[in-house]
Amino acid sequence: MIQSAAKIIFNTRVTGQAFHMGVSSSVLSRESKPGQFLTIRTGDTRDPLLRRPFSIHRVRKNQVEIFYEVVGKGSTLLSQKTR
């Protein structure tokens, strides 16, 4: 398991409650492959306590992308994150 901070490059609404997010991290992009999972800490506090799992959609140079749907508190917080 790799723990790494990443910078949000984009977090755009695709349609309805579906979002496409890209993060910049040389460590994650080097070690990750599409279909693997990231667990993302969605809040800045202990609420929600647990990280949320998201499947990796695409890996580009220094960038990892995911698609996700807003369904609860964790993904709602994630959808509000900006650069």
PDB file of N, CA and C in Angstrom:
ATOM      1  N   MET A   1       0.840  -1.178   0.000  1.00  0.00           N
ATOM      2  CA  MET A   1       0.000   0.000   0.000  1.00  0.00           C
ATOM      3  C   MET A   1       0.884   1.239   0.000  1.00  0.00           C
ATOM      4  N   ILE A   2       0.519   2.171  -0.849  1.00  0.00           N
ATOM      5  CA  ILE A   2       1.250   3.423  -0.976  1.00  0.00           C
ATOM      6  C   ILE A   2       0.368   4.550  -0.465  1.00  0.00           C
ATOM      7  N   GLN A   3       0.911   5.382   0.409  1.00  0.00           N
ATOM      8  CA  GLN A   3       0.188   6.571   0.850  1.00  0.00           C
ATOM      9  C   GLN A   3       0.911   7.784   0.281  1.00  0.00           C
ATOM     10  N   SER A   4       0.142   8.612  -0.411  1.00  0.00           N
ATOM     11  CA  SER A   4       0.737   9.767  -1.054  1.00  0.00           C
ATOM     12  C   SER A   4      -0.278  10.893  -1.139  1.00  0.00           C
ATOM     13  N   ALA A   5       0.175  12.090  -0.917  1.00  0.00           N
ATOM     14  CA  ALA A   5      -0.682  13.256  -1.136  1.00  0.00           C
ATOM     15  C   ALA A   5      -0.709  13.537  -2.632  1.00  0.00           C
ATOM     16  N   ALA A   6      -1.834  14.042  -3.100  1.00  0.00           N
ATOM     17  CA  ALA A   6      -1.972  14.365  -4.518  1.00  0.00           C
ATOM     18  C   ALA A   6      -2.683  15.699  -4.657  1.00  0.00           C
ATOM     19  N   LYS A   7      -2.384  16.409  -5.722  1.00  0.00           N
ATOM     20  CA  LYS A   7      -3.015  17.700  -5.993  1.00  0.00           C
ATOM     21  C   LYS A   7      -4.117  17.501  -7.027  1.00  0.00           C
ATOM     22  N   ILE A   8      -5.282  18.058  -6.757  1.00  0.00           N
ATOM     23  CA  ILE A   8      -6.391  17.953  -7.697  1.00  0.00           C
ATOM     24  C   ILE A   8      -6.101  18.856  -8.898  1.00  0.00           C
ATOM     25  N   ILE A   9      -6.140  18.269 -10.090  1.00  0.00           N
ATOM     26  CA  ILE A   9      -5.943  19.024 -11.328  1.00  0.00           C
ATOM     27  C   ILE A   9      -7.297  19.505 -11.841  1.00  0.00           C
ATOM     28  N   PHE A  10      -8.275  18.592 -11.842  1.00  0.00           N
ATOM     29  CA  PHE A  10      -9.631  18.946 -12.248  1.00  0.00           C
ATOM     30  C   PHE A  10     -10.619  18.037 -11.530  1.00  0.00           C
ATOM     31  N   ASN A  11     -11.820  18.524 -11.362  1.00  0.00           N
ATOM     32  CA  ASN A  11     -12.906  17.770 -10.740  1.00  0.00           C
ATOM     33  C   ASN A  11     -14.195  18.304 -11.371  1.00  0.00           C
ATOM     34  N   THR A  12     -14.573  17.733 -12.493  1.00  0.00           N
ATOM     35  CA  THR A  12     -15.665  18.276 -13.280  1.00  0.00           C
ATOM     36  C   THR A  12     -16.884  17.362 -13.301  1.00  0.00           C
ATOM     37  N   ARG A  13     -18.047  17.985 -13.275  1.00  0.00           N
ATOM     38  CA  ARG A  13     -19.305  17.244 -13.400  1.00  0.00           C
ATOM     39  C   ARG A  13     -19.442  16.810 -14.856  1.00  0.00           C
ATOM     40  N   VAL A  14     -19.677  15.516 -15.049  1.00  0.00           N
ATOM     41  CA  VAL A  14     -19.872  14.983 -16.392  1.00  0.00           C
ATOM     42  C   VAL A  14     -21.345  15.091 -16.758  1.00  0.00           C
ATOM     43  N   THR A  15     -22.198  14.591 -15.879  1.00  0.00           N
ATOM     44  CA  THR A  15     -23.639  14.665 -16.059  1.00  0.00           C
ATOM     45  C   THR A  15     -24.316  14.272 -14.756  1.00  0.00           C
ATOM     46  N   GLY A  16     -25.415  14.914 -14.426  1.00  0.00           N
ATOM     47  CA  GLY A  16     -26.140  14.561 -13.199  1.00  0.00           C
ATOM     48  C   GLY A  16     -25.237  14.554 -11.987  1.00  0.00           C
ATOM     49  N   GLN A  17     -25.076  13.386 -11.381  1.00  0.00           N
ATOM     50  CA  GLN A  17     -24.231  13.239 -10.196  1.00  0.00           C
ATOM     51  C   GLN A  17     -22.900  12.549 -10.503  1.00  0.00           C
ATOM     52  N   ALA A  18     -22.526  12.450 -11.778  1.00  0.00           N
ATOM     53  CA  ALA A  18     -21.271  11.801 -12.182  1.00  0.00           C
ATOM     54  C   ALA A  18     -20.166  12.847 -12.358  1.00  0.00           C
ATOM     55  N   PHE A  19     -18.988  12.529 -11.824  1.00  0.00           N
ATOM     56  CA  PHE A  19     -17.841  13.435 -11.875  1.00  0.00           C
ATOM     57  C   PHE A  19     -16.615  12.722 -12.433  1.00  0.00           C
ATOM     58  N   HIS A  20     -15.718  13.504 -13.020  1.00  0.00           N
ATOM     59  CA  HIS A  20     -14.433  13.029 -13.531  1.00  0.00           C
ATOM     60  C   HIS A  20     -13.364  13.842 -12.812  1.00  0.00           C
ATOM     61  N   MET A  21     -12.469  13.151 -12.113  1.00  0.00           N
ATOM     62  CA  MET A  21     -11.435  13.836 -11.343  1.00  0.00           C
ATOM     63  C   MET A  21     -10.050  13.369 -11.781  1.00  0.00           C
ATOM     64  N   GLY A  22      -9.141  14.329 -11.874  1.00  0.00           N
ATOM     65  CA  GLY A  22      -7.743  14.022 -12.146  1.00  0.00           C
ATOM     66  C   GLY A  22      -6.877  14.600 -11.050  1.00  0.00           C
ATOM     67  N   VAL A  23      -5.919  13.790 -10.585  1.00  0.00           N
ATOM     68  CA  VAL A  23      -4.996  14.245  -9.552  1.00  0.00           C
ATOM     69  C   VAL A  23      -3.570  14.084 -10.041  1.00  0.00           C
ATOM     70  N   SER A  24      -2.709  14.946  -9.572  1.00  0.00           N
ATOM     71  CA  SER A  24      -1.306  14.922  -9.939  1.00  0.00           C
ATOM     72  C   SER A  24      -0.490  14.310  -8.807  1.00  0.00           C
ATOM     73  N   SER A  25       0.223  13.235  -9.131  1.00  0.00           N
ATOM     74  CA  SER A  25       1.111  12.599  -8.167  1.00  0.00           C
ATOM     75  C   SER A  25       2.064  11.681  -8.928  1.00  0.00           C
ATOM     76  N   SER A  26       3.337  11.991  -8.908  1.00  0.00           N
ATOM     77  CA  SER A  26       4.303  11.156  -9.623  1.00  0.00           C
ATOM     78  C   SER A  26       4.382   9.764  -9.011  1.00  0.00           C
ATOM     79  N   VAL A  27       4.239   9.667  -7.692  1.00  0.00           N
ATOM     80  CA  VAL A  27       4.286   8.362  -7.021  1.00  0.00           C
ATOM     81  C   VAL A  27       3.096   7.505  -7.438  1.00  0.00           C
ATOM     82  N   LEU A  28       1.888   8.067  -7.373  1.00  0.00           N
ATOM     83  CA  LEU A  28       0.698   7.296  -7.742  1.00  0.00           C
ATOM     84  C   LEU A  28       0.706   6.924  -9.218  1.00  0.00           C
ATOM     85  N   SER A  29       1.081   7.845 -10.088  1.00  0.00           N
ATOM     86  CA  SER A  29       1.067   7.545 -11.519  1.00  0.00           C
ATOM     87  C   SER A  29       2.106   6.490 -11.891  1.00  0.00           C
ATOM     88  N   ARG A  30       3.182   6.439 -11.181  1.00  0.00           N
ATOM     89  CA  ARG A  30       4.234   5.449 -11.448  1.00  0.00           C
ATOM     90  C   ARG A  30       3.821   4.062 -10.984  1.00  0.00           C
ATOM     91  N   GLU A  31       3.070   3.975  -9.894  1.00  0.00           N
ATOM     92  CA  GLU A  31       2.740   2.688  -9.279  1.00  0.00           C
ATOM     93  C   GLU A  31       1.330   2.182  -9.574  1.00  0.00           C
ATOM     94  N   SER A  32       0.484   2.983 -10.220  1.00  0.00           N
ATOM     95  CA  SER A  32      -0.928   2.619 -10.409  1.00  0.00           C
ATOM     96  C   SER A  32      -1.229   2.195 -11.832  1.00  0.00           C
ATOM     97  N   LYS A  33      -2.303   1.385 -11.957  1.00  0.00           N
ATOM     98  CA  LYS A  33      -2.778   0.930 -13.257  1.00  0.00           C
ATOM     99  C   LYS A  33      -4.296   1.041 -13.282  1.00  0.00           C
ATOM    100  N   PRO A  34      -4.885   1.269 -14.462  1.00  0.00           N
ATOM    101  CA  PRO A  34      -6.343   1.288 -14.559  1.00  0.00           C
ATOM    102  C   PRO A  34      -6.944  -0.011 -14.020  1.00  0.00           C
ATOM    103  N   GLY A  35      -8.061   0.126 -13.284  1.00  0.00           N
ATOM    104  CA  GLY A  35      -8.715  -1.030 -12.682  1.00  0.00           C
ATOM    105  C   GLY A  35      -8.332  -1.241 -11.230  1.00  0.00           C
ATOM    106  N   GLN A  36      -7.180  -0.705 -10.815  1.00  0.00           N
ATOM    107  CA  GLN A  36      -6.810  -0.764  -9.408  1.00  0.00           C
ATOM    108  C   GLN A  36      -7.617   0.292  -8.659  1.00  0.00           C
ATOM    109  N   PHE A  37      -7.541   0.246  -7.345  1.00  0.00           N
ATOM    110  CA  PHE A  37      -8.331   1.163  -6.533  1.00  0.00           C
ATOM    111  C   PHE A  37      -7.460   2.134  -5.760  1.00  0.00           C
ATOM    112  N   LEU A  38      -7.991   3.353  -5.620  1.00  0.00           N
ATOM    113  CA  LEU A  38      -7.438   4.356  -4.715  1.00  0.00           C
ATOM    114  C   LEU A  38      -8.403   4.467  -3.547  1.00  0.00           C
ATOM    115  N   THR A  39      -7.900   4.672  -2.369  1.00  0.00           N
ATOM    116  CA  THR A  39      -8.770   5.023  -1.245  1.00  0.00           C
ATOM    117  C   THR A  39      -8.472   6.473  -0.916  1.00  0.00           C
ATOM    118  N   ILE A  40      -9.506   7.285  -0.996  1.00  0.00           N
ATOM    119  CA  ILE A  40      -9.333   8.726  -0.882  1.00  0.00           C
ATOM    120  C   ILE A  40      -9.971   9.252   0.391  1.00  0.00           C
ATOM    121  N   ARG A  41      -9.212  10.033   1.125  1.00  0.00           N
ATOM    122  CA  ARG A  41      -9.735  10.729   2.303  1.00  0.00           C
ATOM    123  C   ARG A  41     -10.501  11.939   1.790  1.00  0.00           C
ATOM    124  N   THR A  42     -11.808  11.949   1.987  1.00  0.00           N
ATOM    125  CA  THR A  42     -12.652  12.971   1.370  1.00  0.00           C
ATOM    126  C   THR A  42     -12.866  14.202   2.236  1.00  0.00           C
ATOM    127  N   GLY A  43     -12.650  14.094   3.534  1.00  0.00           N
ATOM    128  CA  GLY A  43     -12.860  15.240   4.423  1.00  0.00           C
ATOM    129  C   GLY A  43     -11.572  15.714   5.054  1.00  0.00           C
ATOM    130  N   ASP A  44     -11.622  16.893   5.622  1.00  0.00           N
ATOM    131  CA  ASP A  44     -10.451  17.453   6.298  1.00  0.00           C
ATOM    132  C   ASP A  44     -10.461  17.149   7.791  1.00  0.00           C
ATOM    133  N   THR A  45     -11.545  16.538   8.263  1.00  0.00           N
ATOM    134  CA  THR A  45     -11.669  16.174   9.674  1.00  0.00           C
ATOM    135  C   THR A  45     -11.869  14.661   9.765  1.00  0.00           C
ATOM    136  N   ARG A  46     -12.261  14.191  10.910  1.00  0.00           N
ATOM    137  CA  ARG A  46     -12.504  12.754  11.079  1.00  0.00           C
ATOM    138  C   ARG A  46     -13.902  12.333  10.645  1.00  0.00           C
ATOM    139  N   ASP A  47     -14.645  13.255  10.081  1.00  0.00           N
ATOM    140  CA  ASP A  47     -15.988  12.930   9.608  1.00  0.00           C
ATOM    141  C   ASP A  47     -16.082  13.251   8.128  1.00  0.00           C
ATOM    142  N   PRO A  48     -16.155  12.285   7.256  1.00  0.00           N
ATOM    143  CA  PRO A  48     -16.273  10.852   7.530  1.00  0.00           C
ATOM    144  C   PRO A  48     -14.916  10.247   7.895  1.00  0.00           C
ATOM    145  N   LEU A  49     -14.980   9.264   8.762  1.00  0.00           N
ATOM    146  CA  LEU A  49     -13.763   8.652   9.298  1.00  0.00           C
ATOM    147  C   LEU A  49     -13.036   7.816   8.255  1.00  0.00           C
ATOM    148  N   LEU A  50     -13.765   7.011   7.505  1.00  0.00           N
ATOM    149  CA  LEU A  50     -13.138   6.073   6.577  1.00  0.00           C
ATOM    150  C   LEU A  50     -12.890   6.701   5.204  1.00  0.00           C
ATOM    151  N   ARG A  51     -11.814   6.257   4.585  1.00  0.00           N
ATOM    152  CA  ARG A  51     -11.521   6.665   3.215  1.00  0.00           C
ATOM    153  C   ARG A  51     -12.490   5.966   2.278  1.00  0.00           C
ATOM    154  N   ARG A  52     -12.687   6.522   1.090  1.00  0.00           N
ATOM    155  CA  ARG A  52     -13.607   5.958   0.112  1.00  0.00           C
ATOM    156  C   ARG A  52     -12.820   5.332  -1.033  1.00  0.00           C
ATOM    157  N   PRO A  53     -13.200   4.121  -1.471  1.00  0.00           N
ATOM    158  CA  PRO A  53     -12.490   3.471  -2.585  1.00  0.00           C
ATOM    159  C   PRO A  53     -13.034   3.920  -3.936  1.00  0.00           C
ATOM    160  N   PHE A  54     -12.127   4.183  -4.874  1.00  0.00           N
ATOM    161  CA  PHE A  54     -12.485   4.567  -6.231  1.00  0.00           C
ATOM    162  C   PHE A  54     -11.578   3.825  -7.205  1.00  0.00           C
ATOM    163  N   SER A  55     -12.162   3.310  -8.268  1.00  0.00           N
ATOM    164  CA  SER A  55     -11.404   2.597  -9.293  1.00  0.00           C
ATOM    165  C   SER A  55     -10.673   3.598 -10.189  1.00  0.00           C
ATOM    166  N   ILE A  56      -9.450   3.279 -10.528  1.00  0.00           N
ATOM    167  CA  ILE A  56      -8.649   4.133 -11.406  1.00  0.00           C
ATOM    168  C   ILE A  56      -9.119   3.949 -12.845  1.00  0.00           C
ATOM    169  N   HIS A  57      -9.420   5.051 -13.507  1.00  0.00           N
ATOM    170  CA  HIS A  57      -9.880   5.029 -14.897  1.00  0.00           C
ATOM    171  C   HIS A  57      -8.696   5.101 -15.866  1.00  0.00           C
ATOM    172  N   ARG A  58      -7.807   6.038 -15.640  1.00  0.00           N
ATOM    173  CA  ARG A  58      -6.703   6.262 -16.573  1.00  0.00           C
ATOM    174  C   ARG A  58      -5.486   6.767 -15.811  1.00  0.00           C
ATOM    175  N   VAL A  59      -4.312   6.362 -16.301  1.00  0.00           N
ATOM    176  CA  VAL A  59      -3.051   6.863 -15.743  1.00  0.00           C
ATOM    177  C   VAL A  59      -2.268   7.488 -16.885  1.00  0.00           C
ATOM    178  N   ARG A  60      -1.910   8.730 -16.704  1.00  0.00           N
ATOM    179  CA  ARG A  60      -1.081   9.455 -17.665  1.00  0.00           C
ATOM    180  C   ARG A  60       0.164   9.921 -16.934  1.00  0.00           C
ATOM    181  N   LYS A  61       1.057  10.557 -17.643  1.00  0.00           N
ATOM    182  CA  LYS A  61       2.280  11.043 -17.013  1.00  0.00           C
ATOM    183  C   LYS A  61       1.943  11.931 -15.815  1.00  0.00           C
ATOM    184  N   ASN A  62       2.322  11.512 -14.626  1.00  0.00           N
ATOM    185  CA  ASN A  62       2.105  12.243 -13.366  1.00  0.00           C
ATOM    186  C   ASN A  62       0.640  12.532 -13.051  1.00  0.00           C
ATOM    187  N   GLN A  63      -0.285  11.796 -13.665  1.00  0.00           N
ATOM    188  CA  GLN A  63      -1.706  12.056 -13.444  1.00  0.00           C
ATOM    189  C   GLN A  63      -2.490  10.749 -13.356  1.00  0.00           C
ATOM    190  N   VAL A  64      -3.399  10.699 -12.380  1.00  0.00           N
ATOM    191  CA  VAL A  64      -4.306   9.561 -12.214  1.00  0.00           C
ATOM    192  C   VAL A  64      -5.729  10.104 -12.278  1.00  0.00           C
ATOM    193  N   GLU A  65      -6.599   9.416 -13.037  1.00  0.00           N
ATOM    194  CA  GLU A  65      -7.974   9.885 -13.219  1.00  0.00           C
ATOM    195  C   GLU A  65      -8.973   8.848 -12.713  1.00  0.00           C
ATOM    196  N   ILE A  66     -10.070   9.350 -12.131  1.00  0.00           N
ATOM    197  CA  ILE A  66     -11.161   8.493 -11.685  1.00  0.00           C
ATOM    198  C   ILE A  66     -12.484   9.098 -12.150  1.00  0.00           C
ATOM    199  N   PHE A  67     -13.499   8.260 -12.279  1.00  0.00           N
ATOM    200  CA  PHE A  67     -14.881   8.686 -12.448  1.00  0.00           C
ATOM    201  C   PHE A  67     -15.600   8.248 -11.190  1.00  0.00           C
ATOM    202  N   TYR A  68     -16.520   9.043 -10.699  1.00  0.00           N
ATOM    203  CA  TYR A  68     -17.290   8.646  -9.530  1.00  0.00           C
ATOM    204  C   TYR A  68     -18.667   9.272  -9.560  1.00  0.00           C
ATOM    205  N   GLU A  69     -19.571   8.668  -8.808  1.00  0.00           N
ATOM    206  CA  GLU A  69     -20.934   9.169  -8.693  1.00  0.00           C
ATOM    207  C   GLU A  69     -21.178   9.605  -7.262  1.00  0.00           C
ATOM    208  N   VAL A  70     -21.831  10.726  -7.092  1.00  0.00           N
ATOM    209  CA  VAL A  70     -22.168  11.227  -5.759  1.00  0.00           C
ATOM    210  C   VAL A  70     -23.343  10.404  -5.235  1.00  0.00           C
ATOM    211  N   VAL A  71     -23.095   9.661  -4.142  1.00  0.00           N
ATOM    212  CA  VAL A  71     -24.144   8.813  -3.566  1.00  0.00           C
ATOM    213  C   VAL A  71     -24.277   8.982  -2.055  1.00  0.00           C
ATOM    214  N   GLY A  72     -23.329   9.614  -1.414  1.00  0.00           N
ATOM    215  CA  GLY A  72     -23.373   9.777   0.035  1.00  0.00           C
ATOM    216  C   GLY A  72     -22.507  10.929   0.487  1.00  0.00           C
ATOM    217  N   LYS A  73     -22.261  10.968   1.786  1.00  0.00           N
ATOM    218  CA  LYS A  73     -21.516  12.083   2.376  1.00  0.00           C
ATOM    219  C   LYS A  73     -20.084  12.188   1.843  1.00  0.00           C
ATOM    220  N   GLY A  74     -19.389  11.062   1.763  1.00  0.00           N
ATOM    221  CA  GLY A  74     -18.000  11.087   1.306  1.00  0.00           C
ATOM    222  C   GLY A  74     -17.859  11.569  -0.123  1.00  0.00           C
ATOM    223  N   SER A  75     -18.660  11.032  -1.031  1.00  0.00           N
ATOM    224  CA  SER A  75     -18.569  11.460  -2.431  1.00  0.00           C
ATOM    225  C   SER A  75     -19.118  12.876  -2.622  1.00  0.00           C
ATOM    226  N   THR A  76     -20.055  13.297  -1.775  1.00  0.00           N
ATOM    227  CA  THR A  76     -20.533  14.689  -1.820  1.00  0.00           C
ATOM    228  C   THR A  76     -19.391  15.634  -1.468  1.00  0.00           C
ATOM    229  N   LEU A  77     -18.646  15.317  -0.413  1.00  0.00           N
ATOM    230  CA  LEU A  77     -17.490  16.139  -0.036  1.00  0.00           C
ATOM    231  C   LEU A  77     -16.449  16.158  -1.153  1.00  0.00           C
ATOM    232  N   LEU A  78     -16.212  15.007  -1.771  1.00  0.00           N
ATOM    233  CA  LEU A  78     -15.241  14.927  -2.854  1.00  0.00           C
ATOM    234  C   LEU A  78     -15.669  15.790  -4.034  1.00  0.00           C
ATOM    235  N   SER A  79     -16.948  15.805  -4.352  1.00  0.00           N
ATOM    236  CA  SER A  79     -17.440  16.584  -5.493  1.00  0.00           C
ATOM    237  C   SER A  79     -17.273  18.092  -5.274  1.00  0.00           C
ATOM    238  N   GLN A  80     -17.120  18.506  -4.035  1.00  0.00           N
ATOM    239  CA  GLN A  80     -16.951  19.925  -3.722  1.00  0.00           C
ATOM    240  C   GLN A  80     -15.488  20.368  -3.708  1.00  0.00           C
ATOM    241  N   LYS A  81     -14.583  19.413  -3.837  1.00  0.00           N
ATOM    242  CA  LYS A  81     -13.151  19.736  -3.831  1.00  0.00           C
ATOM    243  C   LYS A  81     -12.749  20.394  -5.153  1.00  0.00           C
ATOM    244  N   THR A  82     -11.909  21.404  -5.041  1.00  0.00           N
ATOM    245  CA  THR A  82     -11.378  22.086  -6.215  1.00  0.00           C
ATOM    246  C   THR A  82      -9.867  22.059  -6.152  1.00  0.00           C
ATOM    247  N   ARG A  83      -9.272  22.696  -7.064  1.00  0.00           N
ATOM    248  CA  ARG A  83      -7.803  22.728  -7.130  1.00  0.00           C
ATOM    249  C   ARG A  83      -7.255  23.252  -5.893  1.00  0.00           C
TER     250      ARG A  83
END
